[in-house]
PDB file of all heavy atoms in Angstrom:
ATOM      1  N   PHE A   1      -2.404   6.501   2.200  1.00  0.00           N
ATOM      2  CA  PHE A   1      -2.304   5.046   2.268  1.00  0.00           C
ATOM      3  C   PHE A   1      -1.602   4.528   3.644  1.00  0.00           C
ATOM      4  O   PHE A   1      -2.170   3.655   4.284  1.00  0.00           O
ATOM      5  CB  PHE A   1      -1.708   4.584   1.030  1.00  0.00           C
ATOM      6  CG  PHE A   1      -1.349   3.014   1.062  1.00  0.00           C
ATOM      7  CD1 PHE A   1      -2.392   2.140   0.975  1.00  0.00           C
ATOM      8  CD2 PHE A   1      -0.096   2.582   1.219  1.00  0.00           C
ATOM      9  CE1 PHE A   1      -2.087   0.757   0.944  1.00  0.00           C
ATOM     10  CE2 PHE A   1       0.185   1.234   1.251  1.00  0.00           C
ATOM     11  CZ  PHE A   1      -0.818   0.284   1.062  1.00  0.00           C
ATOM     12  N   SER A   2      -0.543   5.099   3.947  1.00  0.00           N
ATOM     13  CA  SER A   2       0.362   4.791   5.043  1.00  0.00           C
ATOM     14  C   SER A   2       0.927   5.935   5.855  1.00  0.00           C
ATOM     15  O   SER A   2       1.043   6.984   5.188  1.00  0.00           O
ATOM     16  CB  SER A   2       1.350   3.806   4.585  1.00  0.00           C
ATOM     17  OG  SER A   2       2.280   4.406   3.815  1.00  0.00           O
ATOM     18  N   ASP A   3       1.311   5.752   7.041  1.00  0.00           N
ATOM     19  CA  ASP A   3       1.924   6.783   7.786  1.00  0.00           C
ATOM     20  C   ASP A   3       3.375   7.041   7.255  1.00  0.00           C
ATOM     21  O   ASP A   3       3.705   8.278   7.100  1.00  0.00           O
ATOM     22  CB  ASP A   3       2.263   6.251   9.250  1.00  0.00           C
ATOM     23  CG  ASP A   3       0.897   6.192   9.901  1.00  0.00           C
ATOM     24  OD1 ASP A   3      -0.155   6.927   9.556  1.00  0.00           O
ATOM     25  OD2 ASP A   3       0.899   5.367  11.010  1.00  0.00           O
ATOM     26  N   TYR A   4       4.056   6.067   6.636  1.00  0.00           N
ATOM     27  CA  TYR A   4       5.305   6.246   6.034  1.00  0.00           C
ATOM     28  C   TYR A   4       5.234   7.209   4.886  1.00  0.00           C
ATOM     29  O   TYR A   4       6.010   8.120   4.627  1.00  0.00           O
ATOM     30  CB  TYR A   4       5.927   4.865   5.588  1.00  0.00           C
ATOM     31  CG  TYR A   4       7.365   4.928   4.993  1.00  0.00           C
ATOM     32  CD1 TYR A   4       8.444   4.551   5.791  1.00  0.00           C
ATOM     33  CD2 TYR A   4       7.538   5.213   3.655  1.00  0.00           C
ATOM     34  CE1 TYR A   4       9.726   4.527   5.318  1.00  0.00           C
ATOM     35  CE2 TYR A   4       8.871   5.345   3.221  1.00  0.00           C
ATOM     36  CZ  TYR A   4       9.714   4.917   3.991  1.00  0.00           C
ATOM     37  OH  TYR A   4      11.087   4.885   3.404  1.00  0.00           O
ATOM     38  N   ALA A   5       4.310   6.955   4.000  1.00  0.00           N
ATOM     39  CA  ALA A   5       4.120   7.793   2.674  1.00  0.00           C
ATOM     40  C   ALA A   5       3.596   9.171   3.070  1.00  0.00           C
ATOM     41  O   ALA A   5       3.903  10.050   2.286  1.00  0.00           O
ATOM     42  CB  ALA A   5       3.206   6.971   1.730  1.00  0.00           C
ATOM     43  N   GLY A   6       2.713   9.188   4.055  1.00  0.00           N
ATOM     44  CA  GLY A   6       2.140  10.611   4.414  1.00  0.00           C
ATOM     45  C   GLY A   6       1.317  11.015   3.185  1.00  0.00           C
ATOM     46  O   GLY A   6       0.518  10.215   2.703  1.00  0.00           O
ATOM     47  N   ARG A   7       1.504  12.332   2.782  1.00  0.00           N
ATOM     48  CA  ARG A   7       0.732  12.843   1.800  1.00  0.00           C
ATOM     49  C   ARG A   7       1.551  13.003   0.496  1.00  0.00           C
ATOM     50  O   ARG A   7       1.140  13.720  -0.454  1.00  0.00           O
ATOM     51  CB  ARG A   7       0.142  14.091   2.206  1.00  0.00           C
ATOM     52  CG  ARG A   7       1.154  15.250   2.578  1.00  0.00           C
ATOM     53  CD  ARG A   7       0.373  16.513   3.059  1.00  0.00           C
ATOM     54  NE  ARG A   7       1.431  17.547   3.320  1.00  0.00           N
ATOM     55  CZ  ARG A   7       1.106  18.733   3.833  1.00  0.00           C
ATOM     56  NH1 ARG A   7      -0.188  19.010   3.931  1.00  0.00           N
ATOM     57  NH2 ARG A   7       1.984  19.704   3.928  1.00  0.00           N
ATOM     58  N   SER A   8       2.715  12.273   0.390  1.00  0.00           N
ATOM     59  CA  SER A   8       3.409  12.348  -0.823  1.00  0.00           C
ATOM     60  C   SER A   8       2.908  11.287  -1.857  1.00  0.00           C
ATOM     61  O   SER A   8       2.909  10.041  -1.581  1.00  0.00           O
ATOM     62  CB  SER A   8       4.944  12.015  -0.588  1.00  0.00           C
ATOM     63  OG  SER A   8       5.576  11.680  -1.773  1.00  0.00           O
ATOM     64  N   VAL A   9       2.634  11.691  -3.053  1.00  0.00           N
ATOM     65  CA  VAL A   9       1.987  10.688  -3.993  1.00  0.00           C
ATOM     66  C   VAL A   9       3.088   9.670  -4.402  1.00  0.00           C
ATOM     67  O   VAL A   9       2.893   8.572  -4.778  1.00  0.00           O
ATOM     68  CB  VAL A   9       1.503  11.489  -5.237  1.00  0.00           C
ATOM     69  CG1 VAL A   9       2.456  12.297  -6.014  1.00  0.00           C
ATOM     70  CG2 VAL A   9       0.648  10.468  -6.110  1.00  0.00           C
ATOM     71  N   THR A  10       4.396  10.200  -4.552  1.00  0.00           N
ATOM     72  CA  THR A  10       5.380   9.223  -4.989  1.00  0.00           C
ATOM     73  C   THR A  10       5.761   8.281  -3.910  1.00  0.00           C
ATOM     74  O   THR A  10       5.949   7.074  -4.197  1.00  0.00           O
ATOM     75  CB  THR A  10       6.788  10.099  -5.379  1.00  0.00           C
ATOM     76  OG1 THR A  10       7.106  10.890  -4.322  1.00  0.00           O
ATOM     77  CG2 THR A  10       6.478  10.819  -6.631  1.00  0.00           C
ATOM     78  N   GLU A  11       5.801   8.680  -2.600  1.00  0.00           N
ATOM     79  CA  GLU A  11       5.912   7.777  -1.535  1.00  0.00           C
ATOM     80  C   GLU A  11       4.680   6.855  -1.406  1.00  0.00           C
ATOM     81  O   GLU A  11       4.867   5.717  -1.023  1.00  0.00           O
ATOM     82  CB  GLU A  11       6.234   8.358  -0.200  1.00  0.00           C
ATOM     83  CG  GLU A  11       7.466   9.235  -0.186  1.00  0.00           C
ATOM     84  CD  GLU A  11       8.688   8.231  -0.306  1.00  0.00           C
ATOM     85  OE1 GLU A  11       8.575   7.020   0.213  1.00  0.00           O
ATOM     86  OE2 GLU A  11       9.881   8.594  -0.698  1.00  0.00           O
ATOM     87  N   THR A  12       3.594   7.309  -1.736  1.00  0.00           N
ATOM     88  CA  THR A  12       2.315   6.413  -1.639  1.00  0.00           C
ATOM     89  C   THR A  12       2.515   5.386  -2.812  1.00  0.00           C
ATOM     90  O   THR A  12       2.179   4.201  -2.458  1.00  0.00           O
ATOM     91  CB  THR A  12       1.076   7.347  -1.819  1.00  0.00           C
ATOM     92  OG1 THR A  12       1.005   8.119  -0.797  1.00  0.00           O
ATOM     93  CG2 THR A  12      -0.080   6.310  -1.899  1.00  0.00           C
ATOM     94  N   PHE A  13       2.882   5.771  -3.917  1.00  0.00           N
ATOM     95  CA  PHE A  13       3.067   4.799  -4.920  1.00  0.00           C
ATOM     96  C   PHE A  13       4.052   3.583  -4.498  1.00  0.00           C
ATOM     97  O   PHE A  13       3.789   2.445  -4.611  1.00  0.00           O
ATOM     98  CB  PHE A  13       3.630   5.389  -6.249  1.00  0.00           C
ATOM     99  CG  PHE A  13       3.781   4.381  -7.323  1.00  0.00           C
ATOM    100  CD1 PHE A  13       2.849   3.799  -8.122  1.00  0.00           C
ATOM    101  CD2 PHE A  13       5.223   3.879  -7.550  1.00  0.00           C
ATOM    102  CE1 PHE A  13       3.176   2.845  -9.126  1.00  0.00           C
ATOM    103  CE2 PHE A  13       5.590   2.933  -8.513  1.00  0.00           C
ATOM    104  CZ  PHE A  13       4.487   2.416  -9.309  1.00  0.00           C
ATOM    105  N   ALA A  14       5.261   4.119  -4.004  1.00  0.00           N
ATOM    106  CA  ALA A  14       6.235   3.043  -3.608  1.00  0.00           C
ATOM    107  C   ALA A  14       5.681   2.209  -2.445  1.00  0.00           C
ATOM    108  O   ALA A  14       5.971   0.979  -2.427  1.00  0.00           O
ATOM    109  CB  ALA A  14       7.385   3.870  -3.169  1.00  0.00           C
ATOM    110  N   ASP A  15       4.879   2.804  -1.569  1.00  0.00           N
ATOM    111  CA  ASP A  15       4.336   1.971  -0.448  1.00  0.00           C
ATOM    112  C   ASP A  15       3.208   1.024  -0.872  1.00  0.00           C
ATOM    113  O   ASP A  15       3.059   0.011  -0.262  1.00  0.00           O
ATOM    114  CB  ASP A  15       3.915   2.798   0.744  1.00  0.00           C
ATOM    115  CG  ASP A  15       4.782   2.661   1.913  1.00  0.00           C
ATOM    116  OD1 ASP A  15       5.870   2.007   1.788  1.00  0.00           O
ATOM    117  OD2 ASP A  15       4.488   3.261   3.036  1.00  0.00           O
ATOM    118  N   VAL A  16       2.512   1.464  -1.767  1.00  0.00           N
ATOM    119  CA  VAL A  16       1.313   0.668  -2.425  1.00  0.00           C
ATOM    120  C   VAL A  16       2.039  -0.514  -2.940  1.00  0.00           C
ATOM    121  O   VAL A  16       1.494  -1.801  -2.769  1.00  0.00           O
ATOM    122  CB  VAL A  16       0.553   1.377  -3.493  1.00  0.00           C
ATOM    123  CG1 VAL A  16      -0.190   0.485  -4.371  1.00  0.00           C
ATOM    124  CG2 VAL A  16      -0.344   2.291  -2.754  1.00  0.00           C
ATOM    125  N   VAL A  17       3.127  -0.512  -3.609  1.00  0.00           N
ATOM    126  CA  VAL A  17       3.888  -1.571  -4.263  1.00  0.00           C
ATOM    127  C   VAL A  17       4.690  -2.274  -3.119  1.00  0.00           C
ATOM    128  O   VAL A  17       4.507  -3.618  -3.019  1.00  0.00           O
ATOM    129  CB  VAL A  17       4.881  -1.041  -5.253  1.00  0.00           C
ATOM    130  CG1 VAL A  17       5.902  -2.320  -5.729  1.00  0.00           C
ATOM    131  CG2 VAL A  17       4.193  -0.544  -6.432  1.00  0.00           C
ATOM    132  N   GLY A  18       5.312  -1.559  -2.113  1.00  0.00           N
ATOM    133  CA  GLY A  18       6.164  -2.351  -1.203  1.00  0.00           C
ATOM    134  C   GLY A  18       5.280  -3.162  -0.282  1.00  0.00           C
ATOM    135  O   GLY A  18       5.553  -4.321  -0.074  1.00  0.00           O
ATOM    136  N   TYR A  19       4.133  -2.715   0.250  1.00  0.00           N
ATOM    137  CA  TYR A  19       3.272  -3.512   1.087  1.00  0.00           C
ATOM    138  C   TYR A  19       2.599  -4.527   0.318  1.00  0.00           C
ATOM    139  O   TYR A  19       2.104  -5.588   0.965  1.00  0.00           O
ATOM    140  CB  TYR A  19       2.328  -2.674   1.823  1.00  0.00           C
ATOM    141  CG  TYR A  19       2.873  -1.933   3.139  1.00  0.00           C
ATOM    142  CD1 TYR A  19       3.013  -0.464   3.170  1.00  0.00           C
ATOM    143  CD2 TYR A  19       3.207  -2.626   4.022  1.00  0.00           C
ATOM    144  CE1 TYR A  19       3.564   0.130   4.239  1.00  0.00           C
ATOM    145  CE2 TYR A  19       3.726  -2.072   5.384  1.00  0.00           C
ATOM    146  CZ  TYR A  19       3.863  -0.613   5.323  1.00  0.00           C
ATOM    147  OH  TYR A  19       4.376   0.046   6.490  1.00  0.00           O
ATOM    148  N   TYR A  20       2.376  -4.471  -0.980  1.00  0.00           N
ATOM    149  CA  TYR A  20       1.659  -5.505  -1.775  1.00  0.00           C
ATOM    150  C   TYR A  20       2.736  -6.764  -1.768  1.00  0.00           C
ATOM    151  O   TYR A  20       2.113  -7.780  -1.633  1.00  0.00           O
ATOM    152  CB  TYR A  20       1.526  -5.043  -3.184  1.00  0.00           C
ATOM    153  CG  TYR A  20       0.784  -5.918  -4.160  1.00  0.00           C
ATOM    154  CD1 TYR A  20      -0.570  -5.861  -4.155  1.00  0.00           C
ATOM    155  CD2 TYR A  20       1.582  -6.827  -4.874  1.00  0.00           C
ATOM    156  CE1 TYR A  20      -1.324  -6.920  -5.061  1.00  0.00           C
ATOM    157  CE2 TYR A  20       0.862  -7.725  -5.729  1.00  0.00           C
ATOM    158  CZ  TYR A  20      -0.460  -7.720  -5.830  1.00  0.00           C
ATOM    159  OH  TYR A  20      -1.211  -8.618  -6.611  1.00  0.00           O
ATOM    160  N   VAL A  21       3.923  -6.593  -1.800  1.00  0.00           N
ATOM    161  CA  VAL A  21       4.868  -7.695  -1.939  1.00  0.00           C
ATOM    162  C   VAL A  21       5.094  -8.080  -0.393  1.00  0.00           C
ATOM    163  O   VAL A  21       4.950  -9.318  -0.131  1.00  0.00           O
ATOM    164  CB  VAL A  21       6.291  -7.395  -2.466  1.00  0.00           C
ATOM    165  CG1 VAL A  21       7.156  -8.553  -2.457  1.00  0.00           C
ATOM    166  CG2 VAL A  21       5.938  -6.922  -3.989  1.00  0.00           C
ATOM    167  N   GLY A  22       5.346  -7.101   0.486  1.00  0.00           N
ATOM    168  CA  GLY A  22       5.617  -7.476   1.941  1.00  0.00           C
ATOM    169  C   GLY A  22       4.396  -7.595   2.722  1.00  0.00           C
ATOM    170  O   GLY A  22       4.248  -6.857   3.708  1.00  0.00           O
ATOM    171  N   ARG A  23       3.532  -8.596   2.355  1.00  0.00           N
ATOM    172  CA  ARG A  23       2.259  -8.790   3.079  1.00  0.00           C
ATOM    173  C   ARG A  23       2.351  -9.038   4.603  1.00  0.00           C
ATOM    174  O   ARG A  23       1.456  -8.692   5.385  1.00  0.00           O
ATOM    175  CB  ARG A  23       1.511  -9.878   2.484  1.00  0.00           C
ATOM    176  CG  ARG A  23       0.944  -9.464   0.986  1.00  0.00           C
ATOM    177  CD  ARG A  23       0.149  -8.233   0.985  1.00  0.00           C
ATOM    178  NE  ARG A  23      -0.934  -8.300   1.840  1.00  0.00           N
ATOM    179  CZ  ARG A  23      -2.117  -9.048   1.530  1.00  0.00           C
ATOM    180  NH1 ARG A  23      -2.195  -9.714   0.419  1.00  0.00           N
ATOM    181  NH2 ARG A  23      -3.150  -9.101   2.396  1.00  0.00           N
ATOM    182  N   CYS A  24       3.565  -9.502   4.984  1.00  0.00           N
ATOM    183  CA  CYS A  24       3.745  -9.834   6.467  1.00  0.00           C
ATOM    184  C   CYS A  24       4.260  -8.694   7.210  1.00  0.00           C
ATOM    185  O   CYS A  24       4.584  -8.887   8.442  1.00  0.00           O
ATOM    186  CB  CYS A  24       4.570 -11.032   6.515  1.00  0.00           C
ATOM    187  SG  CYS A  24       3.771 -12.603   6.260  1.00  0.00           S
ATOM    188  N   ALA A  25       4.490  -7.498   6.569  1.00  0.00           N
ATOM    189  CA  ALA A  25       5.134  -6.300   7.319  1.00  0.00           C
ATOM    190  C   ALA A  25       4.154  -5.952   8.340  1.00  0.00           C
ATOM    191  O   ALA A  25       2.858  -6.023   8.224  1.00  0.00           O
ATOM    192  CB  ALA A  25       5.257  -5.255   6.361  1.00  0.00           C
ATOM    193  N   LEU A  26       4.601  -5.517   9.540  1.00  0.00           N
ATOM    194  CA  LEU A  26       3.745  -5.114  10.652  1.00  0.00           C
ATOM    195  C   LEU A  26       2.916  -3.957  10.173  1.00  0.00           C
ATOM    196  O   LEU A  26       3.428  -3.072   9.558  1.00  0.00           O
ATOM    197  CB  LEU A  26       4.695  -4.812  11.782  1.00  0.00           C
ATOM    198  CG  LEU A  26       3.957  -4.415  13.121  1.00  0.00           C
ATOM    199  CD1 LEU A  26       3.216  -5.494  13.728  1.00  0.00           C
ATOM    200  CD2 LEU A  26       5.023  -3.842  14.175  1.00  0.00           C
ATOM    201  N   ASP A  27       1.628  -3.889  10.664  1.00  0.00           N
ATOM    202  CA  ASP A  27       0.739  -2.995  10.371  1.00  0.00           C
ATOM    203  C   ASP A  27       0.593  -2.597   8.987  1.00  0.00           C
ATOM    204  O   ASP A  27       0.566  -1.464   8.541  1.00  0.00           O
ATOM    205  CB  ASP A  27       1.186  -1.588  11.244  1.00  0.00           C
ATOM    206  CG  ASP A  27       1.198  -1.684  12.622  1.00  0.00           C
ATOM    207  OD1 ASP A  27       0.406  -2.480  13.101  1.00  0.00           O
ATOM    208  OD2 ASP A  27       2.118  -1.074  13.292  1.00  0.00           O
ATOM    209  N   ASN A  28       0.497  -3.691   8.156  1.00  0.00           N
ATOM    210  CA  ASN A  28       0.332  -3.486   6.637  1.00  0.00           C
ATOM    211  C   ASN A  28      -0.990  -2.881   6.438  1.00  0.00           C
ATOM    212  O   ASN A  28      -2.045  -3.381   6.764  1.00  0.00           O
ATOM    213  CB  ASN A  28       0.414  -4.819   5.998  1.00  0.00           C
ATOM    214  CG  ASN A  28       0.530  -4.830   4.552  1.00  0.00           C
ATOM    215  OD1 ASN A  28      -0.174  -4.070   3.897  1.00  0.00           O
ATOM    216  ND2 ASN A  28       1.372  -5.609   4.072  1.00  0.00           N
ATOM    217  N   PRO A  29      -1.032  -1.740   5.680  1.00  0.00           N
ATOM    218  CA  PRO A  29      -2.304  -1.098   5.434  1.00  0.00           C
ATOM    219  C   PRO A  29      -3.362  -1.917   4.753  1.00  0.00           C
ATOM    220  O   PRO A  29      -4.621  -1.822   4.993  1.00  0.00           O
ATOM    221  CB  PRO A  29      -2.016   0.021   4.503  1.00  0.00           C
ATOM    222  CG  PRO A  29      -0.618   0.391   4.855  1.00  0.00           C
ATOM    223  CD  PRO A  29       0.080  -0.956   5.213  1.00  0.00           C
ATOM    224  N   TYR A  30      -2.923  -3.043   4.050  1.00  0.00           N
ATOM    225  CA  TYR A  30      -3.849  -3.875   3.359  1.00  0.00           C
ATOM    226  C   TYR A  30      -4.484  -4.823   4.311  1.00  0.00           C
ATOM    227  O   TYR A  30      -5.565  -5.408   4.026  1.00  0.00           O
ATOM    228  CB  TYR A  30      -3.192  -4.814   2.237  1.00  0.00           C
ATOM    229  CG  TYR A  30      -2.676  -3.962   1.086  1.00  0.00           C
ATOM    230  CD1 TYR A  30      -1.271  -4.048   0.773  1.00  0.00           C
ATOM    231  CD2 TYR A  30      -3.454  -3.202   0.299  1.00  0.00           C
ATOM    232  CE1 TYR A  30      -0.771  -3.319  -0.343  1.00  0.00           C
ATOM    233  CE2 TYR A  30      -3.084  -2.511  -0.776  1.00  0.00           C
ATOM    234  CZ  TYR A  30      -1.608  -2.484  -1.114  1.00  0.00           C
ATOM    235  OH  TYR A  30      -1.186  -1.857  -2.162  1.00  0.00           O
ATOM    236  N   ASP A  31      -3.942  -4.911   5.567  1.00  0.00           N
ATOM    237  CA  ASP A  31      -4.712  -5.852   6.532  1.00  0.00           C
ATOM    238  C   ASP A  31      -6.040  -5.287   6.943  1.00  0.00           C
ATOM    239  O   ASP A  31      -6.888  -6.165   7.328  1.00  0.00           O
ATOM    240  CB  ASP A  31      -3.785  -5.895   7.819  1.00  0.00           C
ATOM    241  CG  ASP A  31      -2.459  -6.603   7.699  1.00  0.00           C
ATOM    242  OD1 ASP A  31      -2.370  -7.220   6.630  1.00  0.00           O
ATOM    243  OD2 ASP A  31      -1.645  -6.387   8.489  1.00  0.00           O
ATOM    244  N   THR A  32      -6.313  -4.068   6.797  1.00  0.00           N
ATOM    245  CA  THR A  32      -7.616  -3.567   7.213  1.00  0.00           C
ATOM    246  C   THR A  32      -8.758  -3.741   6.182  1.00  0.00           C
ATOM    247  O   THR A  32      -9.864  -3.727   6.465  1.00  0.00           O
ATOM    248  CB  THR A  32      -7.524  -2.038   7.386  1.00  0.00           C
ATOM    249  OG1 THR A  32      -7.270  -1.461   6.211  1.00  0.00           O
ATOM    250  CG2 THR A  32      -6.439  -1.636   8.322  1.00  0.00           C
ATOM    251  N   GLY A  33      -8.489  -4.162   4.973  1.00  0.00           N
ATOM    252  CA  GLY A  33      -9.365  -4.295   3.872  1.00  0.00           C
ATOM    253  C   GLY A  33      -9.990  -2.977   3.337  1.00  0.00           C
ATOM    254  O   GLY A  33     -10.938  -3.067   2.514  1.00  0.00           O
ATOM    255  N   GLU A  34      -9.338  -1.952   3.772  1.00  0.00           N
ATOM    256  CA  GLU A  34      -9.897  -0.559   3.321  1.00  0.00           C
ATOM    257  C   GLU A  34      -9.091  -0.058   2.093  1.00  0.00           C
ATOM    258  O   GLU A  34      -9.490   1.093   1.618  1.00  0.00           O
ATOM    259  CB  GLU A  34      -9.659   0.401   4.574  1.00  0.00           C
ATOM    260  CG  GLU A  34     -10.392   0.106   5.804  1.00  0.00           C
ATOM    261  CD  GLU A  34     -10.156   0.987   6.883  1.00  0.00           C
ATOM    262  OE1 GLU A  34      -9.302   1.836   6.666  1.00  0.00           O
ATOM    263  OE2 GLU A  34     -10.712   0.777   7.964  1.00  0.00           O
ATOM    264  N   HIS A  35      -8.090  -0.777   1.548  1.00  0.00           N
ATOM    265  CA  HIS A  35      -7.481  -0.177   0.459  1.00  0.00           C
ATOM    266  C   HIS A  35      -7.429  -1.058  -0.815  1.00  0.00           C
ATOM    267  O   HIS A  35      -6.432  -1.300  -1.454  1.00  0.00           O
ATOM    268  CB  HIS A  35      -6.140   0.049   0.857  1.00  0.00           C
ATOM    269  CG  HIS A  35      -5.844   1.034   1.962  1.00  0.00           C
ATOM    270  ND1 HIS A  35      -6.092   2.386   1.753  1.00  0.00           N
ATOM    271  CD2 HIS A  35      -5.452   0.842   3.236  1.00  0.00           C
ATOM    272  CE1 HIS A  35      -5.887   3.036   3.009  1.00  0.00           C
ATOM    273  NE2 HIS A  35      -5.554   2.157   3.837  1.00  0.00           N
ATOM    274  N   ASP A  36      -8.593  -1.684  -1.068  1.00  0.00           N
ATOM    275  CA  ASP A  36      -8.805  -2.599  -2.165  1.00  0.00           C
ATOM    276  C   ASP A  36      -8.336  -1.949  -3.479  1.00  0.00           C
ATOM    277  O   ASP A  36      -7.848  -2.537  -4.356  1.00  0.00           O
ATOM    278  CB  ASP A  36     -10.251  -3.094  -2.222  1.00  0.00           C
ATOM    279  CG  ASP A  36     -10.580  -4.096  -1.228  1.00  0.00           C
ATOM    280  OD1 ASP A  36      -9.780  -4.301  -0.253  1.00  0.00           O
ATOM    281  OD2 ASP A  36     -11.617  -4.646  -1.266  1.00  0.00           O
ATOM    282  N   ALA A  37      -8.690  -0.618  -3.676  1.00  0.00           N
ATOM    283  CA  ALA A  37      -8.366   0.011  -4.995  1.00  0.00           C
ATOM    284  C   ALA A  37      -6.900   0.118  -5.204  1.00  0.00           C
ATOM    285  O   ALA A  37      -6.429  -0.162  -6.311  1.00  0.00           O
ATOM    286  CB  ALA A  37      -9.048   1.373  -4.959  1.00  0.00           C
ATOM    287  N   TYR A  38      -6.233   0.497  -4.188  1.00  0.00           N
ATOM    288  CA  TYR A  38      -4.728   0.588  -4.212  1.00  0.00           C
ATOM    289  C   TYR A  38      -4.154  -0.908  -4.560  1.00  0.00           C
ATOM    290  O   TYR A  38      -3.343  -1.054  -5.240  1.00  0.00           O
ATOM    291  CB  TYR A  38      -4.051   1.010  -2.967  1.00  0.00           C
ATOM    292  CG  TYR A  38      -4.094   2.537  -2.933  1.00  0.00           C
ATOM    293  CD1 TYR A  38      -4.414   3.166  -1.750  1.00  0.00           C
ATOM    294  CD2 TYR A  38      -3.669   3.412  -3.917  1.00  0.00           C
ATOM    295  CE1 TYR A  38      -4.479   4.492  -1.622  1.00  0.00           C
ATOM    296  CE2 TYR A  38      -3.666   4.747  -3.896  1.00  0.00           C
ATOM    297  CZ  TYR A  38      -4.048   5.310  -2.738  1.00  0.00           C
ATOM    298  OH  TYR A  38      -4.057   6.698  -2.677  1.00  0.00           O
ATOM    299  N   TYR A  39      -4.717  -1.907  -3.801  1.00  0.00           N
ATOM    300  CA  TYR A  39      -4.304  -3.307  -4.126  1.00  0.00           C
ATOM    301  C   TYR A  39      -4.461  -3.762  -5.426  1.00  0.00           C
ATOM    302  O   TYR A  39      -3.676  -4.389  -6.119  1.00  0.00           O
ATOM    303  CB  TYR A  39      -5.154  -4.179  -3.103  1.00  0.00           C
ATOM    304  CG  TYR A  39      -4.753  -5.629  -3.124  1.00  0.00           C
ATOM    305  CD1 TYR A  39      -3.678  -6.112  -2.251  1.00  0.00           C
ATOM    306  CD2 TYR A  39      -5.277  -6.633  -3.935  1.00  0.00           C
ATOM    307  CE1 TYR A  39      -3.303  -7.509  -2.300  1.00  0.00           C
ATOM    308  CE2 TYR A  39      -4.929  -7.891  -3.992  1.00  0.00           C
ATOM    309  CZ  TYR A  39      -3.893  -8.330  -3.164  1.00  0.00           C
ATOM    310  OH  TYR A  39      -3.496  -9.681  -3.195  1.00  0.00           O
ATOM    311  N   GLN A  40      -5.746  -3.469  -6.043  1.00  0.00           N
ATOM    312  CA  GLN A  40      -6.014  -3.837  -7.396  1.00  0.00           C
ATOM    313  C   GLN A  40      -5.084  -3.149  -8.297  1.00  0.00           C
ATOM    314  O   GLN A  40      -4.835  -3.682  -9.384  1.00  0.00           O
ATOM    315  CB  GLN A  40      -7.409  -3.513  -7.804  1.00  0.00           C
ATOM    316  CG  GLN A  40      -8.488  -4.511  -7.027  1.00  0.00           C
ATOM    317  CD  GLN A  40      -8.183  -6.013  -7.328  1.00  0.00           C
ATOM    318  OE1 GLN A  40      -7.910  -6.316  -8.387  1.00  0.00           O
ATOM    319  NE2 GLN A  40      -8.313  -6.800  -6.234  1.00  0.00           N
ATOM    320  N   PHE A  41      -4.660  -1.870  -8.013  1.00  0.00           N
ATOM    321  CA  PHE A  41      -3.682  -1.153  -8.937  1.00  0.00           C
ATOM    322  C   PHE A  41      -2.428  -1.942  -9.053  1.00  0.00           C
ATOM    323  O   PHE A  41      -1.932  -2.180 -10.053  1.00  0.00           O
ATOM    324  CB  PHE A  41      -3.548   0.336  -8.428  1.00  0.00           C
ATOM    325  CG  PHE A  41      -2.681   0.985  -9.317  1.00  0.00           C
ATOM    326  CD1 PHE A  41      -3.065   1.775 -10.353  1.00  0.00           C
ATOM    327  CD2 PHE A  41      -1.282   0.975  -9.135  1.00  0.00           C
ATOM    328  CE1 PHE A  41      -2.211   2.495 -11.299  1.00  0.00           C
ATOM    329  CE2 PHE A  41      -0.353   1.716  -9.915  1.00  0.00           C
ATOM    330  CZ  PHE A  41      -0.919   2.423 -10.995  1.00  0.00           C
ATOM    331  N   ALA A  42      -1.859  -2.307  -7.872  1.00  0.00           N
ATOM    332  CA  ALA A  42      -0.732  -2.875  -7.800  1.00  0.00           C
ATOM    333  C   ALA A  42      -0.684  -4.248  -8.558  1.00  0.00           C
ATOM    334  O   ALA A  42       0.241  -4.635  -9.372  1.00  0.00           O
ATOM    335  CB  ALA A  42      -0.138  -3.060  -6.444  1.00  0.00           C
ATOM    336  N   LYS A  43      -1.754  -4.959  -8.354  1.00  0.00           N
ATOM    337  CA  LYS A  43      -2.021  -6.225  -8.918  1.00  0.00           C
ATOM    338  C   LYS A  43      -2.049  -6.209 -10.434  1.00  0.00           C
ATOM    339  O   LYS A  43      -1.419  -6.925 -11.100  1.00  0.00           O
ATOM    340  CB  LYS A  43      -3.326  -6.845  -8.433  1.00  0.00           C
ATOM    341  CG  LYS A  43      -3.670  -8.224  -9.028  1.00  0.00           C
ATOM    342  CD  LYS A  43      -4.924  -8.776  -8.451  1.00  0.00           C
ATOM    343  CE  LYS A  43      -5.271 -10.099  -9.067  1.00  0.00           C
ATOM    344  NZ  LYS A  43      -6.721 -10.639  -8.528  1.00  0.00           N
ATOM    345  N   GLU A  44      -2.846  -5.267 -10.970  1.00  0.00           N
ATOM    346  CA  GLU A  44      -3.079  -5.263 -12.318  1.00  0.00           C
ATOM    347  C   GLU A  44      -2.034  -4.484 -13.182  1.00  0.00           C
ATOM    348  O   GLU A  44      -1.683  -4.833 -14.137  1.00  0.00           O
ATOM    349  CB  GLU A  44      -4.404  -4.613 -12.651  1.00  0.00           C
ATOM    350  CG  GLU A  44      -5.597  -5.381 -12.075  1.00  0.00           C
ATOM    351  CD  GLU A  44      -6.921  -4.689 -12.030  1.00  0.00           C
ATOM    352  OE1 GLU A  44      -7.089  -3.714 -12.742  1.00  0.00           O
ATOM    353  OE2 GLU A  44      -7.882  -5.198 -11.412  1.00  0.00           O
ATOM    354  N   HIS A  45      -1.590  -3.351 -12.660  1.00  0.00           N
ATOM    355  CA  HIS A  45      -0.702  -2.334 -13.335  1.00  0.00           C
ATOM    356  C   HIS A  45       0.783  -2.710 -13.106  1.00  0.00           C
ATOM    357  O   HIS A  45       1.603  -2.197 -13.908  1.00  0.00           O
ATOM    358  CB  HIS A  45      -1.057  -1.016 -12.987  1.00  0.00           C
ATOM    359  CG  HIS A  45      -2.327  -0.384 -13.359  1.00  0.00           C
ATOM    360  ND1 HIS A  45      -2.511   0.273 -14.558  1.00  0.00           N
ATOM    361  CD2 HIS A  45      -3.584  -0.582 -12.851  1.00  0.00           C
ATOM    362  CE1 HIS A  45      -3.801   0.469 -14.857  1.00  0.00           C
ATOM    363  NE2 HIS A  45      -4.363   0.088 -13.753  1.00  0.00           N
TER     364      HIS A  45
END
């Protein structure tokens, strides 16, 4: 999902949530539109 999280599933979870709230963070992975599935997870779950 992100460079910060790398291949750690726990860091990926935290970044999926963190970038969902901090939408104005520089280089937000959601800006690309390629991570809709992660976005929907944060939104719904």
